PDB file of N, CA and C in Angstrom:
ATOM      1  N   MET A   1      -4.210  -3.297   0.656  1.00  0.00           N
ATOM      2  CA  MET A   1      -3.091  -3.383   1.239  1.00  0.00           C
ATOM      3  C   MET A   1      -2.984  -2.638   2.688  1.00  0.00           C
ATOM      4  N   LYS A   2      -2.210  -2.626   3.272  1.00  0.00           N
ATOM      5  CA  LYS A   2      -1.707  -1.553   3.688  1.00  0.00           C
ATOM      6  C   LYS A   2      -0.106  -1.438   4.184  1.00  0.00           C
ATOM      7  N   LEU A   3       0.325  -0.227   3.852  1.00  0.00           N
ATOM      8  CA  LEU A   3       1.378   0.135   3.561  1.00  0.00           C
ATOM      9  C   LEU A   3       1.739   1.637   4.467  1.00  0.00           C
ATOM     10  N   LYS A   4       3.284   0.964   5.129  1.00  0.00           N
ATOM     11  CA  LYS A   4       3.515   2.027   6.228  1.00  0.00           C
ATOM     12  C   LYS A   4       4.823   3.112   5.458  1.00  0.00           C
ATOM     13  N   VAL A   5       4.628   4.606   5.640  1.00  0.00           N
ATOM     14  CA  VAL A   5       5.305   5.224   4.801  1.00  0.00           C
ATOM     15  C   VAL A   5       6.076   6.320   5.842  1.00  0.00           C
ATOM     16  N   ARG A   6       7.273   6.400   5.601  1.00  0.00           N
ATOM     17  CA  ARG A   6       7.988   7.164   6.335  1.00  0.00           C
ATOM     18  C   ARG A   6       8.139   8.328   5.461  1.00  0.00           C
ATOM     19  N   ASP A   7       8.295   9.584   6.066  1.00  0.00           N
ATOM     20  CA  ASP A   7       8.856  10.555   5.352  1.00  0.00           C
ATOM     21  C   ASP A   7       9.982  11.824   6.267  1.00  0.00           C
ATOM     22  N   GLY A   8      11.012  11.208   6.502  1.00  0.00           N
ATOM     23  CA  GLY A   8      12.086  11.698   7.624  1.00  0.00           C
ATOM     24  C   GLY A   8      11.375  11.190   8.965  1.00  0.00           C
ATOM     25  N   GLU A   9      10.971  12.152   9.769  1.00  0.00           N
ATOM     26  CA  GLU A   9      10.135  11.913  11.314  1.00  0.00           C
ATOM     27  C   GLU A   9       9.005  11.275  11.273  1.00  0.00           C
ATOM     28  N   GLU A  10       8.256  11.805  10.009  1.00  0.00           N
ATOM     29  CA  GLU A  10       6.782  11.525  10.225  1.00  0.00           C
ATOM     30  C   GLU A  10       6.339  10.126   9.542  1.00  0.00           C
ATOM     31  N   GLU A  11       5.837   9.422   9.698  1.00  0.00           N
ATOM     32  CA  GLU A  11       5.029   8.237   9.800  1.00  0.00           C
ATOM     33  C   GLU A  11       3.369   8.091   9.461  1.00  0.00           C
ATOM     34  N   ALA A  12       3.318   7.641   8.397  1.00  0.00           N
ATOM     35  CA  ALA A  12       1.065   7.705   8.287  1.00  0.00           C
ATOM     36  C   ALA A  12       1.192   5.940   7.772  1.00  0.00           C
ATOM     37  N   MET A  13       0.163   5.496   7.154  1.00  0.00           N
ATOM     38  CA  MET A  13      -0.379   4.608   7.065  1.00  0.00           C
ATOM     39  C   MET A  13      -1.034   4.793   5.769  1.00  0.00           C
ATOM     40  N   PHE A  14      -0.573   3.968   4.650  1.00  0.00           N
ATOM     41  CA  PHE A  14      -1.481   3.922   3.242  1.00  0.00           C
ATOM     42  C   PHE A  14      -2.329   2.926   2.911  1.00  0.00           C
ATOM     43  N   CYS A  15      -3.884   2.935   2.592  1.00  0.00           N
ATOM     44  CA  CYS A  15      -4.464   1.928   2.131  1.00  0.00           C
ATOM     45  C   CYS A  15      -4.120   1.889   0.368  1.00  0.00           C
ATOM     46  N   LEU A  16      -4.248   0.932   0.176  1.00  0.00           N
ATOM     47  CA  LEU A  16      -4.086   0.389  -1.383  1.00  0.00           C
ATOM     48  C   LEU A  16      -5.232  -0.481  -1.577  1.00  0.00           C
ATOM     49  N   PHE A  17      -5.723   0.003  -2.948  1.00  0.00           N
ATOM     50  CA  PHE A  17      -7.399  -1.172  -2.577  1.00  0.00           C
ATOM     51  C   PHE A  17      -6.992  -2.122  -3.859  1.00  0.00           C
ATOM     52  N   ASP A  18      -7.651  -2.892  -3.935  1.00  0.00           N
ATOM     53  CA  ASP A  18      -7.323  -4.026  -5.021  1.00  0.00           C
ATOM     54  C   ASP A  18      -6.526  -3.891  -6.243  1.00  0.00           C
ATOM     55  N   GLU A  19      -7.618  -2.556  -6.910  1.00  0.00           N
ATOM     56  CA  GLU A  19      -7.138  -2.229  -8.266  1.00  0.00           C
ATOM     57  C   GLU A  19      -5.967  -1.716  -8.654  1.00  0.00           C
ATOM     58  N   ASP A  20      -5.361  -0.860  -7.379  1.00  0.00           N
ATOM     59  CA  ASP A  20      -3.610  -0.048  -7.626  1.00  0.00           C
ATOM     60  C   ASP A  20      -2.680  -1.470  -7.147  1.00  0.00           C
ATOM     61  N   VAL A  21      -3.477  -2.392  -6.141  1.00  0.00           N
ATOM     62  CA  VAL A  21      -2.845  -3.380  -6.191  1.00  0.00           C
ATOM     63  C   VAL A  21      -2.295  -4.456  -7.673  1.00  0.00           C
ATOM     64  N   GLU A  22      -3.443  -4.729  -7.767  1.00  0.00           N
ATOM     65  CA  GLU A  22      -2.998  -5.395  -9.165  1.00  0.00           C
ATOM     66  C   GLU A  22      -2.737  -4.645  -9.996  1.00  0.00           C
ATOM     67  N   LYS A  23      -2.433  -3.445 -10.032  1.00  0.00           N
ATOM     68  CA  LYS A  23      -1.474  -2.865 -11.155  1.00  0.00           C
ATOM     69  C   LYS A  23       0.009  -2.721 -11.125  1.00  0.00           C
ATOM     70  N   LEU A  24       0.363  -2.758  -9.574  1.00  0.00           N
ATOM     71  CA  LEU A  24       1.602  -2.854  -9.249  1.00  0.00           C
ATOM     72  C   LEU A  24       2.204  -4.737  -9.029  1.00  0.00           C
ATOM     73  N   ALA A  25       1.071  -5.281  -9.125  1.00  0.00           N
ATOM     74  CA  ALA A  25       1.822  -6.829  -8.833  1.00  0.00           C
ATOM     75  C   ALA A  25       0.887  -7.845  -9.883  1.00  0.00           C
ATOM     76  N   THR A  26       1.498  -7.102 -11.123  1.00  0.00           N
ATOM     77  CA  THR A  26       0.327  -8.374 -12.443  1.00  0.00           C
ATOM     78  C   THR A  26       0.604  -9.795 -12.185  1.00  0.00           C
ATOM     79  N   GLU A  27       1.832 -10.364 -12.093  1.00  0.00           N
ATOM     80  CA  GLU A  27       1.740 -11.668 -12.030  1.00  0.00           C
ATOM     81  C   GLU A  27       1.628 -12.310 -10.595  1.00  0.00           C
ATOM     82  N   THR A  28       2.101 -11.368  -9.671  1.00  0.00           N
ATOM     83  CA  THR A  28       1.091 -12.037  -8.445  1.00  0.00           C
ATOM     84  C   THR A  28       0.069 -11.947  -7.678  1.00  0.00           C
ATOM     85  N   CYS A  29      -0.319 -10.638  -7.921  1.00  0.00           N
ATOM     86  CA  CYS A  29      -1.714 -10.437  -7.617  1.00  0.00           C
ATOM     87  C   CYS A  29      -3.161 -11.846  -7.699  1.00  0.00           C
ATOM     88  N   PRO A  30      -3.168 -12.386  -8.972  1.00  0.00           N
ATOM     89  CA  PRO A  30      -4.287 -13.535  -9.439  1.00  0.00           C
ATOM     90  C   PRO A  30      -4.033 -14.427  -8.101  1.00  0.00           C
ATOM     91  N   LEU A  31      -2.741 -15.191  -8.070  1.00  0.00           N
ATOM     92  CA  LEU A  31      -2.451 -15.974  -7.138  1.00  0.00           C
ATOM     93  C   LEU A  31      -2.920 -15.770  -5.847  1.00  0.00           C
ATOM     94  N   LEU A  32      -1.960 -14.805  -5.207  1.00  0.00           N
ATOM     95  CA  LEU A  32      -2.985 -14.145  -3.427  1.00  0.00           C
ATOM     96  C   LEU A  32      -4.277 -13.817  -3.753  1.00  0.00           C
ATOM     97  N   ALA A  33      -4.932 -13.401  -4.826  1.00  0.00           N
ATOM     98  CA  ALA A  33      -6.250 -13.424  -4.426  1.00  0.00           C
ATOM     99  C   ALA A  33      -7.482 -14.901  -4.884  1.00  0.00           C
ATOM    100  N   SER A  34      -6.331 -15.683  -5.220  1.00  0.00           N
ATOM    101  CA  SER A  34      -7.011 -17.033  -5.631  1.00  0.00           C
ATOM    102  C   SER A  34      -7.292 -17.448  -4.298  1.00  0.00           C
ATOM    103  N   MET A  35      -6.215 -17.336  -2.820  1.00  0.00           N
ATOM    104  CA  MET A  35      -5.844 -17.807  -1.839  1.00  0.00           C
ATOM    105  C   MET A  35      -7.105 -17.252  -0.748  1.00  0.00           C
ATOM    106  N   GLY A  36      -7.762 -16.056  -1.110  1.00  0.00           N
ATOM    107  CA  GLY A  36      -8.804 -15.694  -0.349  1.00  0.00           C
ATOM    108  C   GLY A  36      -8.451 -14.553   1.020  1.00  0.00           C
ATOM    109  N   GLU A  37      -9.575 -13.888   1.507  1.00  0.00           N
ATOM    110  CA  GLU A  37      -9.267 -13.015   2.566  1.00  0.00           C
ATOM    111  C   GLU A  37      -8.004 -13.466   3.424  1.00  0.00           C
ATOM    112  N   ALA A  38      -7.996 -15.221   3.566  1.00  0.00           N
ATOM    113  CA  ALA A  38      -6.896 -15.417   4.811  1.00  0.00           C
ATOM    114  C   ALA A  38      -5.288 -15.173   4.574  1.00  0.00           C
ATOM    115  N   CYS A  39      -5.592 -14.683   3.142  1.00  0.00           N
ATOM    116  CA  CYS A  39      -3.850 -14.801   2.922  1.00  0.00           C
ATOM    117  C   CYS A  39      -3.148 -13.274   3.504  1.00  0.00           C
ATOM    118  N   SER A  40      -2.118 -13.404   3.896  1.00  0.00           N
ATOM    119  CA  SER A  40      -1.307 -12.315   4.254  1.00  0.00           C
ATOM    120  C   SER A  40      -0.275 -12.263   3.808  1.00  0.00           C
ATOM    121  N   LEU A  41       0.025 -13.062   2.829  1.00  0.00           N
ATOM    122  CA  LEU A  41       1.491 -12.444   1.758  1.00  0.00           C
ATOM    123  C   LEU A  41       1.315 -11.215   1.018  1.00  0.00           C
ATOM    124  N   PHE A  42       2.885 -10.898   0.935  1.00  0.00           N
ATOM    125  CA  PHE A  42       3.269  -9.406   0.163  1.00  0.00           C
ATOM    126  C   PHE A  42       3.592  -9.876  -1.162  1.00  0.00           C
ATOM    127  N   PRO A  43       2.831  -8.827  -2.380  1.00  0.00           N
ATOM    128  CA  PRO A  43       3.012  -9.033  -3.683  1.00  0.00           C
ATOM    129  C   PRO A  43       4.814  -8.929  -3.847  1.00  0.00           C
ATOM    130  N   ASP A  44       5.275 -10.348  -4.375  1.00  0.00           N
ATOM    131  CA  ASP A  44       6.212  -9.849  -4.703  1.00  0.00           C
ATOM    132  C   ASP A  44       7.204  -8.703  -5.609  1.00  0.00           C
ATOM    133  N   GLU A  45       6.100  -7.976  -6.497  1.00  0.00           N
ATOM    134  CA  GLU A  45       6.645  -6.857  -7.044  1.00  0.00           C
ATOM    135  C   GLU A  45       6.763  -5.684  -6.380  1.00  0.00           C
ATOM    136  N   MET A  46       6.188  -5.856  -5.127  1.00  0.00           N
ATOM    137  CA  MET A  46       6.311  -4.314  -4.108  1.00  0.00           C
ATOM    138  C   MET A  46       7.194  -4.702  -3.556  1.00  0.00           C
ATOM    139  N   GLU A  47       8.379  -5.566  -3.563  1.00  0.00           N
ATOM    140  CA  GLU A  47       9.444  -5.692  -3.040  1.00  0.00           C
ATOM    141  C   GLU A  47      10.497  -4.413  -3.209  1.00  0.00           C
ATOM    142  N   CYS A  48       9.951  -4.320  -4.852  1.00  0.00           N
ATOM    143  CA  CYS A  48      11.328  -3.083  -5.512  1.00  0.00           C
ATOM    144  C   CYS A  48      11.223  -1.622  -4.685  1.00  0.00           C
ATOM    145  N   MET A  49       9.440  -1.671  -4.005  1.00  0.00           N
ATOM    146  CA  MET A  49       9.339  -0.248  -4.306  1.00  0.00           C
ATOM    147  C   MET A  49      10.229   0.074  -2.644  1.00  0.00           C
ATOM    148  N   TYR A  50      10.633  -0.850  -1.865  1.00  0.00           N
ATOM    149  CA  TYR A  50      11.303  -0.818  -0.535  1.00  0.00           C
ATOM    150  C   TYR A  50      12.298   0.296  -0.382  1.00  0.00           C
ATOM    151  N   GLY A  51      12.233   1.495   0.375  1.00  0.00           N
ATOM    152  CA  GLY A  51      13.078   2.459   0.701  1.00  0.00           C
ATOM    153  C   GLY A  51      13.372   3.551  -0.910  1.00  0.00           C
ATOM    154  N   ASP A  52      12.720   2.943  -1.766  1.00  0.00           N
ATOM    155  CA  ASP A  52      12.611   3.964  -2.849  1.00  0.00           C
ATOM    156  C   ASP A  52      11.660   4.945  -2.456  1.00  0.00           C
ATOM    157  N   ALA A  53      11.808   6.267  -3.173  1.00  0.00           N
ATOM    158  CA  ALA A  53      10.844   7.380  -3.263  1.00  0.00           C
ATOM    159  C   ALA A  53       9.364   6.932  -4.376  1.00  0.00           C
ATOM    160  N   VAL A  54       8.842   7.487  -3.649  1.00  0.00           N
ATOM    161  CA  VAL A  54       7.526   6.869  -4.678  1.00  0.00           C
ATOM    162  C   VAL A  54       6.071   8.423  -4.508  1.00  0.00           C
ATOM    163  N   LEU A  55       6.401   8.838  -5.235  1.00  0.00           N
ATOM    164  CA  LEU A  55       4.961   9.878  -5.119  1.00  0.00           C
ATOM    165  C   LEU A  55       3.314   9.322  -5.166  1.00  0.00           C
ATOM    166  N   TYR A  56       2.878   9.184  -4.276  1.00  0.00           N
ATOM    167  CA  TYR A  56       1.157   9.397  -4.001  1.00  0.00           C
ATOM    168  C   TYR A  56       0.520  10.192  -4.038  1.00  0.00           C
ATOM    169  N   LYS A  57      -0.594   9.893  -4.588  1.00  0.00           N
ATOM    170  CA  LYS A  57      -1.794  11.270  -4.420  1.00  0.00           C
ATOM    171  C   LYS A  57      -2.872  10.331  -3.048  1.00  0.00           C
ATOM    172  N   VAL A  58      -2.765  11.002  -2.378  1.00  0.00           N
ATOM    173  CA  VAL A  58      -3.777  10.529  -1.140  1.00  0.00           C
ATOM    174  C   VAL A  58      -5.409  10.639  -0.727  1.00  0.00           C
ATOM    175  N   GLU A  59      -6.170  10.628  -0.220  1.00  0.00           N
ATOM    176  CA  GLU A  59      -7.449  11.322   0.587  1.00  0.00           C
ATOM    177  C   GLU A  59      -7.001  10.751   1.612  1.00  0.00           C
ATOM    178  N   LYS A  60      -7.383  11.881   2.752  1.00  0.00           N
ATOM    179  CA  LYS A  60      -7.030  11.826   4.220  1.00  0.00           C
ATOM    180  C   LYS A  60      -8.543  11.083   4.124  1.00  0.00           C
ATOM    181  N   THR A  61      -8.410  10.217   5.509  1.00  0.00           N
ATOM    182  CA  THR A  61      -9.345   9.408   5.959  1.00  0.00           C
ATOM    183  C   THR A  61      -9.755  10.032   7.871  1.00  0.00           C
ATOM    184  N   GLU A  62     -10.065   9.528   8.344  1.00  0.00           N
ATOM    185  CA  GLU A  62     -10.991  10.171   9.401  1.00  0.00           C
ATOM    186  C   GLU A  62     -10.151   9.266  10.204  1.00  0.00           C
ATOM    187  N   TYR A  63      -9.993   7.983  10.075  1.00  0.00           N
ATOM    188  CA  TYR A  63      -9.381   6.503  11.074  1.00  0.00           C
ATOM    189  C   TYR A  63      -7.645   6.745  11.486  1.00  0.00           C
ATOM    190  N   GLU A  64      -7.643   6.334  12.707  1.00  0.00           N
ATOM    191  CA  GLU A  64      -6.415   6.392  12.896  1.00  0.00           C
ATOM    192  C   GLU A  64      -6.096   5.112  13.968  1.00  0.00           C
ATOM    193  N   ASP A  65      -4.876   4.617  14.295  1.00  0.00           N
ATOM    194  CA  ASP A  65      -4.816   3.325  14.587  1.00  0.00           C
ATOM    195  C   ASP A  65      -4.202   3.558  16.277  1.00  0.00           C
ATOM    196  N   LYS A  66      -3.838   2.097  16.882  1.00  0.00           N
ATOM    197  CA  LYS A  66      -4.338   2.766  18.125  1.00  0.00           C
ATOM    198  C   LYS A  66      -2.508   3.383  18.291  1.00  0.00           C
ATOM    199  N   GLU A  67      -1.769   3.106  17.355  1.00  0.00           N
ATOM    200  CA  GLU A  67      -0.266   3.789  17.208  1.00  0.00           C
ATOM    201  C   GLU A  67      -0.603   5.487  17.044  1.00  0.00           C
ATOM    202  N   SER A  68      -1.787   6.017  17.023  1.00  0.00           N
ATOM    203  CA  SER A  68      -1.983   7.127  16.561  1.00  0.00           C
ATOM    204  C   SER A  68      -1.450   7.834  15.150  1.00  0.00           C
ATOM    205  N   SER A  69      -0.994   6.233  14.430  1.00  0.00           N
ATOM    206  CA  SER A  69      -0.957   6.634  12.933  1.00  0.00           C
ATOM    207  C   SER A  69      -1.783   7.085  12.522  1.00  0.00           C
ATOM    208  N   LEU A  70      -2.046   7.776  10.969  1.00  0.00           N
ATOM    209  CA  LEU A  70      -3.253   8.713  10.485  1.00  0.00           C
ATOM    210  C   LEU A  70      -2.990   7.750   9.563  1.00  0.00           C
ATOM    211  N   PHE A  71      -4.583   7.039   8.616  1.00  0.00           N
ATOM    212  CA  PHE A  71      -4.625   6.681   7.231  1.00  0.00           C
ATOM    213  C   PHE A  71      -4.908   6.999   6.326  1.00  0.00           C
ATOM    214  N   PHE A  72      -4.454   7.195   5.467  1.00  0.00           N
ATOM    215  CA  PHE A  72      -4.611   7.663   3.630  1.00  0.00           C
ATOM    216  C   PHE A  72      -5.203   6.582   2.833  1.00  0.00           C
ATOM    217  N   LYS A  73      -5.828   7.228   1.924  1.00  0.00           N
ATOM    218  CA  LYS A  73      -6.435   6.303   0.797  1.00  0.00           C
ATOM    219  C   LYS A  73      -6.048   6.651  -0.477  1.00  0.00           C
ATOM    220  N   VAL A  74      -5.319   5.498  -1.034  1.00  0.00           N
ATOM    221  CA  VAL A  74      -3.983   5.955  -2.307  1.00  0.00           C
ATOM    222  C   VAL A  74      -5.143   5.768  -2.999  1.00  0.00           C
ATOM    223  N   SER A  75      -5.154   7.166  -4.277  1.00  0.00           N
ATOM    224  CA  SER A  75      -5.903   7.158  -5.363  1.00  0.00           C
ATOM    225  C   SER A  75      -5.475   7.151  -6.375  1.00  0.00           C
ATOM    226  N   SER A  76      -3.847   7.187  -6.606  1.00  0.00           N
ATOM    227  CA  SER A  76      -3.075   6.671  -7.591  1.00  0.00           C
ATOM    228  C   SER A  76      -1.550   7.050  -7.374  1.00  0.00           C
ATOM    229  N   ILE A  77      -0.542   6.367  -7.977  1.00  0.00           N
ATOM    230  CA  ILE A  77       1.193   6.247  -7.246  1.00  0.00           C
ATOM    231  C   ILE A  77       1.685   6.459  -8.827  1.00  0.00           C
ATOM    232  N   CYS A  78       2.777   6.634  -8.671  1.00  0.00           N
ATOM    233  CA  CYS A  78       4.104   7.516  -9.742  1.00  0.00           C
ATOM    234  C   CYS A  78       5.352   6.636  -9.137  1.00  0.00           C
ATOM    235  N   HIS A  79       5.636   5.698  -9.423  1.00  0.00           N
ATOM    236  CA  HIS A  79       6.959   4.969  -9.006  1.00  0.00           C
ATOM    237  C   HIS A  79       7.398   4.704 -10.515  1.00  0.00           C
ATOM    238  N   GLU A  80       9.071   5.715 -10.306  1.00  0.00           N
ATOM    239  CA  GLU A  80       9.579   5.237 -11.858  1.00  0.00           C
ATOM    240  C   GLU A  80      11.358   5.603 -11.683  1.00  0.00           C
TER     241      GLU A  80
END
């Protein structure tokens, strides 16, 4: 799952992988996973994170998208 993250003026794209999304969306994730690769729905449980401060531990990747946004692999999340 890709998340657009902003910190003031700066913006980056964070990539969450299955195991991290499963931890955050324990109820919705099995349903979305059963829909397969074509599913583009967003887990309901992650809506509560919108606009909140969240601490991410990330690893920088070499990839940039066409908007020149940097991509980071999320290795852990703290949201309390």
